[in-house]
């Protein structure tokens, strides 16, 4: 068939690489924030000097991404690290892409003496985080019209052990 590209991605664990934030925008737009412009997708933490952007690529295309940066959770420990902008191409979900990305974020936090890894997860993804060492904090809430989210947190070393 003309125009059809069949990609056989590598098996987990996927190779996770550091990337610049701008390279993750097409996937973030498609998966997390459809219809947003580049300006709308630009978030203040993109250029944070201690933030790290991780990605999994297949055939030169980013199919998974996540960012981690030092940010204490309100009412959390001072040495907290926050996972943000985590997205996986829907065609590759349940293949280990997200787990590989979360592992990279947790390792990064552990290497910097992080005492907590946390995020605001879409409620549909809460099970993913629970299975990898996180726990829910509080009730779900609507996040800026993006649907229901819940704050989740875990010990970075536990997350490393659960995802490694």
C-alpha atoms as a PDB file:
ATOM      1  CA  UNK A   1       0.000   0.000   0.000  1.00  0.00           C
ATOM      2  CA  UNK A   2       1.330   3.376  -0.942  1.00  0.00           C
ATOM      3  CA  UNK A   3       1.949   5.772   1.945  1.00  0.00           C
ATOM      4  CA  UNK A   4       1.637   3.128   4.659  1.00  0.00           C
ATOM      5  CA  UNK A   5       4.682   2.774   6.862  1.00  0.00           C
ATOM      6  CA  UNK A   6       4.768  -0.243   9.120  1.00  0.00           C
ATOM      7  CA  UNK A   7       7.204   0.185  11.972  1.00  0.00           C
ATOM      8  CA  UNK A   8       8.291  -2.689  14.159  1.00  0.00           C
ATOM      9  CA  UNK A   9       9.516  -0.942  17.289  1.00  0.00           C
ATOM     10  CA  UNK A  10      12.208  -2.492  19.433  1.00  0.00           C
ATOM     11  CA  UNK A  11      11.099  -4.491  22.433  1.00  0.00           C
ATOM     12  CA  UNK A  12      11.332  -3.023  25.947  1.00  0.00           C
ATOM     13  CA  UNK A  13      13.275  -1.712  27.609  1.00  0.00           C
ATOM     14  CA  UNK A  14      13.219   1.056  25.066  1.00  0.00           C
ATOM     15  CA  UNK A  15      16.193   3.300  24.527  1.00  0.00           C
ATOM     16  CA  UNK A  16      15.448   6.575  26.282  1.00  0.00           C
ATOM     17  CA  UNK A  17      17.389   9.680  25.269  1.00  0.00           C
ATOM     18  CA  UNK A  18      17.674  13.256  26.447  1.00  0.00           C
ATOM     19  CA  UNK A  19      16.075  15.638  23.967  1.00  0.00           C
ATOM     20  CA  UNK A  20      15.213  19.308  23.792  1.00  0.00           C
ATOM     21  CA  UNK A  21      11.630  20.175  24.679  1.00  0.00           C
ATOM     22  CA  UNK A  22      10.706  21.527  21.261  1.00  0.00           C
ATOM     23  CA  UNK A  23      11.190  18.051  19.725  1.00  0.00           C
ATOM     24  CA  UNK A  24       8.407  16.675  21.951  1.00  0.00           C
ATOM     25  CA  UNK A  25       5.788  19.208  20.896  1.00  0.00           C
ATOM     26  CA  UNK A  26       4.256  17.235  17.997  1.00  0.00           C
ATOM     27  CA  UNK A  27       3.568  14.246  20.261  1.00  0.00           C
ATOM     28  CA  UNK A  28       2.392  16.424  23.150  1.00  0.00           C
ATOM     29  CA  UNK A  29       0.042  18.281  20.813  1.00  0.00           C
ATOM     30  CA  UNK A  30      -1.403  15.055  19.408  1.00  0.00           C
ATOM     31  CA  UNK A  31      -1.765  13.168  22.702  1.00  0.00           C
ATOM     32  CA  UNK A  32      -2.108  15.727  25.491  1.00  0.00           C
ATOM     33  CA  UNK A  33      -3.361  18.989  24.030  1.00  0.00           C
ATOM     34  CA  UNK A  34      -4.927  18.620  20.578  1.00  0.00           C
ATOM     35  CA  UNK A  35      -5.334  21.822  18.665  1.00  0.00           C
ATOM     36  CA  UNK A  36      -2.884  23.919  20.648  1.00  0.00           C
ATOM     37  CA  UNK A  37      -0.374  26.094  18.855  1.00  0.00           C
ATOM     38  CA  UNK A  38       3.374  25.975  19.506  1.00  0.00           C
ATOM     39  CA  UNK A  39       2.994  29.080  21.664  1.00  0.00           C
ATOM     40  CA  UNK A  40       0.298  27.390  23.731  1.00  0.00           C
ATOM     41  CA  UNK A  41       2.415  24.238  24.058  1.00  0.00           C
ATOM     42  CA  UNK A  42       5.398  26.232  25.289  1.00  0.00           C
ATOM     43  CA  UNK A  43       5.404  25.889  29.056  1.00  0.00           C
ATOM     44  CA  UNK A  44       7.574  27.811  31.534  1.00  0.00           C
ATOM     45  CA  UNK A  45       9.434  24.719  32.706  1.00  0.00           C
ATOM     46  CA  UNK A  46      10.687  23.866  29.189  1.00  0.00           C
ATOM     47  CA  UNK A  47      13.806  25.927  29.690  1.00  0.00           C
ATOM     48  CA  UNK A  48      14.308  25.264  33.411  1.00  0.00           C
ATOM     49  CA  UNK A  49      18.065  24.661  33.785  1.00  0.00           C
ATOM     50  CA  UNK A  50      17.588  21.494  35.857  1.00  0.00           C
ATOM     51  CA  UNK A  51      14.701  20.029  33.845  1.00  0.00           C
ATOM     52  CA  UNK A  52      15.369  16.988  31.704  1.00  0.00           C
ATOM     53  CA  UNK A  53      13.306  15.949  28.722  1.00  0.00           C
ATOM     54  CA  UNK A  54      13.371  12.274  27.832  1.00  0.00           C
ATOM     55  CA  UNK A  55      12.079  10.620  24.682  1.00  0.00           C
ATOM     56  CA  UNK A  56      11.746   7.262  22.981  1.00  0.00           C
ATOM     57  CA  UNK A  57      12.156   7.368  19.221  1.00  0.00           C
ATOM     58  CA  UNK A  58      11.165   4.825  16.608  1.00  0.00           C
ATOM     59  CA  UNK A  59      12.289   5.415  13.059  1.00  0.00           C
ATOM     60  CA  UNK A  60      13.315   8.984  13.898  1.00  0.00           C
ATOM     61  CA  UNK A  61       9.882   9.858  15.311  1.00  0.00           C
ATOM     62  CA  UNK A  62       9.325  10.541  18.995  1.00  0.00           C
ATOM     63  CA  UNK A  63       6.717   8.060  20.236  1.00  0.00           C
ATOM     64  CA  UNK A  64       7.019   8.816  23.945  1.00  0.00           C
ATOM     65  CA  UNK A  65       8.163  11.737  26.050  1.00  0.00           C
ATOM     66  CA  UNK A  66       8.328  12.964  29.622  1.00  0.00           C
ATOM     67  CA  UNK A  67       9.939  15.801  31.527  1.00  0.00           C
ATOM     68  CA  UNK A  68      11.204  15.852  35.094  1.00  0.00           C
ATOM     69  CA  UNK A  69      12.205  18.919  37.055  1.00  0.00           C
ATOM     70  CA  UNK A  70      12.898  19.900  40.632  1.00  0.00           C
ATOM     71  CA  UNK A  71       9.614  21.147  42.036  1.00  0.00           C
ATOM     72  CA  UNK A  72       8.331  20.539  45.527  1.00  0.00           C
ATOM     73  CA  UNK A  73       4.722  19.447  45.729  1.00  0.00           C
ATOM     74  CA  UNK A  74       2.561  21.783  47.803  1.00  0.00           C
ATOM     75  CA  UNK A  75       2.641  20.206  51.285  1.00  0.00           C
ATOM     76  CA  UNK A  76       5.362  17.826  50.051  1.00  0.00           C
ATOM     77  CA  UNK A  77       9.045  17.492  50.837  1.00  0.00           C
ATOM     78  CA  UNK A  78      11.402  20.220  49.641  1.00  0.00           C
ATOM     79  CA  UNK A  79      13.471  17.799  47.544  1.00  0.00           C
ATOM     80  CA  UNK A  80      10.558  16.844  45.289  1.00  0.00           C
ATOM     81  CA  UNK A  81      10.827  16.203  41.565  1.00  0.00           C
ATOM     82  CA  UNK A  82       7.825  16.555  39.274  1.00  0.00           C
ATOM     83  CA  UNK A  83       7.043  14.494  36.174  1.00  0.00           C
ATOM     84  CA  UNK A  84       5.311  16.542  33.506  1.00  0.00           C
ATOM     85  CA  UNK A  85       4.232  16.307  29.872  1.00  0.00           C
ATOM     86  CA  UNK A  86       4.330  12.506  29.812  1.00  0.00           C
ATOM     87  CA  UNK A  87       2.838  11.136  26.596  1.00  0.00           C
ATOM     88  CA  UNK A  88       2.961   7.909  24.609  1.00  0.00           C
ATOM     89  CA  UNK A  89       1.784   7.392  21.060  1.00  0.00           C
ATOM     90  CA  UNK A  90      -1.533   5.520  21.445  1.00  0.00           C
ATOM     91  CA  UNK A  91      -0.367   2.861  18.957  1.00  0.00           C
ATOM     92  CA  UNK A  92       2.487   1.921  21.311  1.00  0.00           C
ATOM     93  CA  UNK A  93       0.715   1.987  24.658  1.00  0.00           C
ATOM     94  CA  UNK A  94       1.093  -1.080  26.862  1.00  0.00           C
ATOM     95  CA  UNK A  95       4.436  -1.869  25.206  1.00  0.00           C
ATOM     96  CA  UNK A  96       6.734  -0.392  27.886  1.00  0.00           C
ATOM     97  CA  UNK A  97       7.383   3.053  26.435  1.00  0.00           C
ATOM     98  CA  UNK A  98       5.834   4.879  29.403  1.00  0.00           C
ATOM     99  CA  UNK A  99       7.530   2.609  31.925  1.00  0.00           C
ATOM    100  CA  UNK A 100      10.912   3.260  30.306  1.00  0.00           C
ATOM    101  CA  UNK A 101      10.318   7.019  30.416  1.00  0.00           C
ATOM    102  CA  UNK A 102       9.145   6.971  34.031  1.00  0.00           C
ATOM    103  CA  UNK A 103      12.219   4.923  34.950  1.00  0.00           C
ATOM    104  CA  UNK A 104      14.494   7.569  33.394  1.00  0.00           C
ATOM    105  CA  UNK A 105      12.685  10.335  35.315  1.00  0.00           C
ATOM    106  CA  UNK A 106      12.957   8.418  38.609  1.00  0.00           C
ATOM    107  CA  UNK A 107      16.661   7.633  38.098  1.00  0.00           C
ATOM    108  CA  UNK A 108      17.295  11.312  37.395  1.00  0.00           C
ATOM    109  CA  UNK A 109      15.536  12.268  40.658  1.00  0.00           C
ATOM    110  CA  UNK A 110      17.390   9.608  42.677  1.00  0.00           C
ATOM    111  CA  UNK A 111      20.752  10.756  41.304  1.00  0.00           C
ATOM    112  CA  UNK A 112      19.926  14.253  42.564  1.00  0.00           C
ATOM    113  CA  UNK A 113      18.823  13.131  46.056  1.00  0.00           C
ATOM    114  CA  UNK A 114      15.129  13.622  45.294  1.00  0.00           C
ATOM    115  CA  UNK A 115      12.895  12.542  48.146  1.00  0.00           C
ATOM    116  CA  UNK A 116       9.632  12.446  46.180  1.00  0.00           C
ATOM    117  CA  UNK A 117       8.543  11.979  42.586  1.00  0.00           C
ATOM    118  CA  UNK A 118       5.100  13.375  41.838  1.00  0.00           C
ATOM    119  CA  UNK A 119       2.737  14.383  39.061  1.00  0.00           C
ATOM    120  CA  UNK A 120      -0.786  15.431  38.244  1.00  0.00           C
ATOM    121  CA  UNK A 121      -2.034  12.427  36.292  1.00  0.00           C
ATOM    122  CA  UNK A 122      -5.120  12.104  34.173  1.00  0.00           C
ATOM    123  CA  UNK A 123      -7.430   9.811  36.096  1.00  0.00           C
ATOM    124  CA  UNK A 124      -7.315   7.334  33.208  1.00  0.00           C
ATOM    125  CA  UNK A 125      -3.551   6.986  33.749  1.00  0.00           C
ATOM    126  CA  UNK A 126      -3.706   6.670  37.551  1.00  0.00           C
ATOM    127  CA  UNK A 127      -3.478   2.866  37.404  1.00  0.00           C
ATOM    128  CA  UNK A 128      -0.244   3.122  35.430  1.00  0.00           C
ATOM    129  CA  UNK A 129       1.346   5.172  38.218  1.00  0.00           C
ATOM    130  CA  UNK A 130      -0.123   3.033  41.017  1.00  0.00           C
ATOM    131  CA  UNK A 131       1.459  -0.087  39.482  1.00  0.00           C
ATOM    132  CA  UNK A 132       4.836   1.671  39.450  1.00  0.00           C
ATOM    133  CA  UNK A 133       5.095   2.749  43.073  1.00  0.00           C
ATOM    134  CA  UNK A 134       2.972   5.909  43.240  1.00  0.00           C
ATOM    135  CA  UNK A 135      -0.053   6.529  45.445  1.00  0.00           C
ATOM    136  CA  UNK A 136      -2.975   8.935  45.014  1.00  0.00           C
ATOM    137  CA  UNK A 137      -3.178  12.095  47.077  1.00  0.00           C
ATOM    138  CA  UNK A 138      -6.615  13.648  47.402  1.00  0.00           C
ATOM    139  CA  UNK A 139      -9.634  13.626  45.187  1.00  0.00           C
ATOM    140  CA  UNK A 140      -9.721  14.040  41.384  1.00  0.00           C
ATOM    141  CA  UNK A 141     -10.102  17.578  40.060  1.00  0.00           C
ATOM    142  CA  UNK A 142     -10.568  19.206  36.658  1.00  0.00           C
ATOM    143  CA  UNK A 143      -7.319  20.661  35.366  1.00  0.00           C
ATOM    144  CA  UNK A 144      -7.871  23.733  33.176  1.00  0.00           C
ATOM    145  CA  UNK A 145     -10.501  22.070  31.015  1.00  0.00           C
ATOM    146  CA  UNK A 146      -8.227  19.083  30.288  1.00  0.00           C
ATOM    147  CA  UNK A 147     -10.413  16.681  32.236  1.00  0.00           C
ATOM    148  CA  UNK A 148     -10.119  14.929  35.570  1.00  0.00           C
ATOM    149  CA  UNK A 149      -6.659  14.649  37.125  1.00  0.00           C
ATOM    150  CA  UNK A 150      -5.323  13.400  40.434  1.00  0.00           C
ATOM    151  CA  UNK A 151      -2.100  14.217  42.272  1.00  0.00           C
ATOM    152  CA  UNK A 152       0.116  11.141  42.576  1.00  0.00           C
ATOM    153  CA  UNK A 153       3.420  10.743  44.414  1.00  0.00           C
ATOM    154  CA  UNK A 154       5.991   8.111  45.237  1.00  0.00           C
ATOM    155  CA  UNK A 155       9.477   7.524  46.522  1.00  0.00           C
ATOM    156  CA  UNK A 156      11.861   7.841  43.534  1.00  0.00           C
ATOM    157  CA  UNK A 157      13.933   4.817  44.624  1.00  0.00           C
ATOM    158  CA  UNK A 158      10.777   2.698  44.824  1.00  0.00           C
ATOM    159  CA  UNK A 159       9.728   3.875  41.372  1.00  0.00           C
ATOM    160  CA  UNK A 160      13.187   2.931  40.028  1.00  0.00           C
ATOM    161  CA  UNK A 161      12.805  -0.549  41.531  1.00  0.00           C
ATOM    162  CA  UNK A 162       9.242  -0.956  40.155  1.00  0.00           C
ATOM    163  CA  UNK A 163      10.180   0.208  36.630  1.00  0.00           C
ATOM    164  CA  UNK A 164      13.700  -1.226  36.263  1.00  0.00           C
END
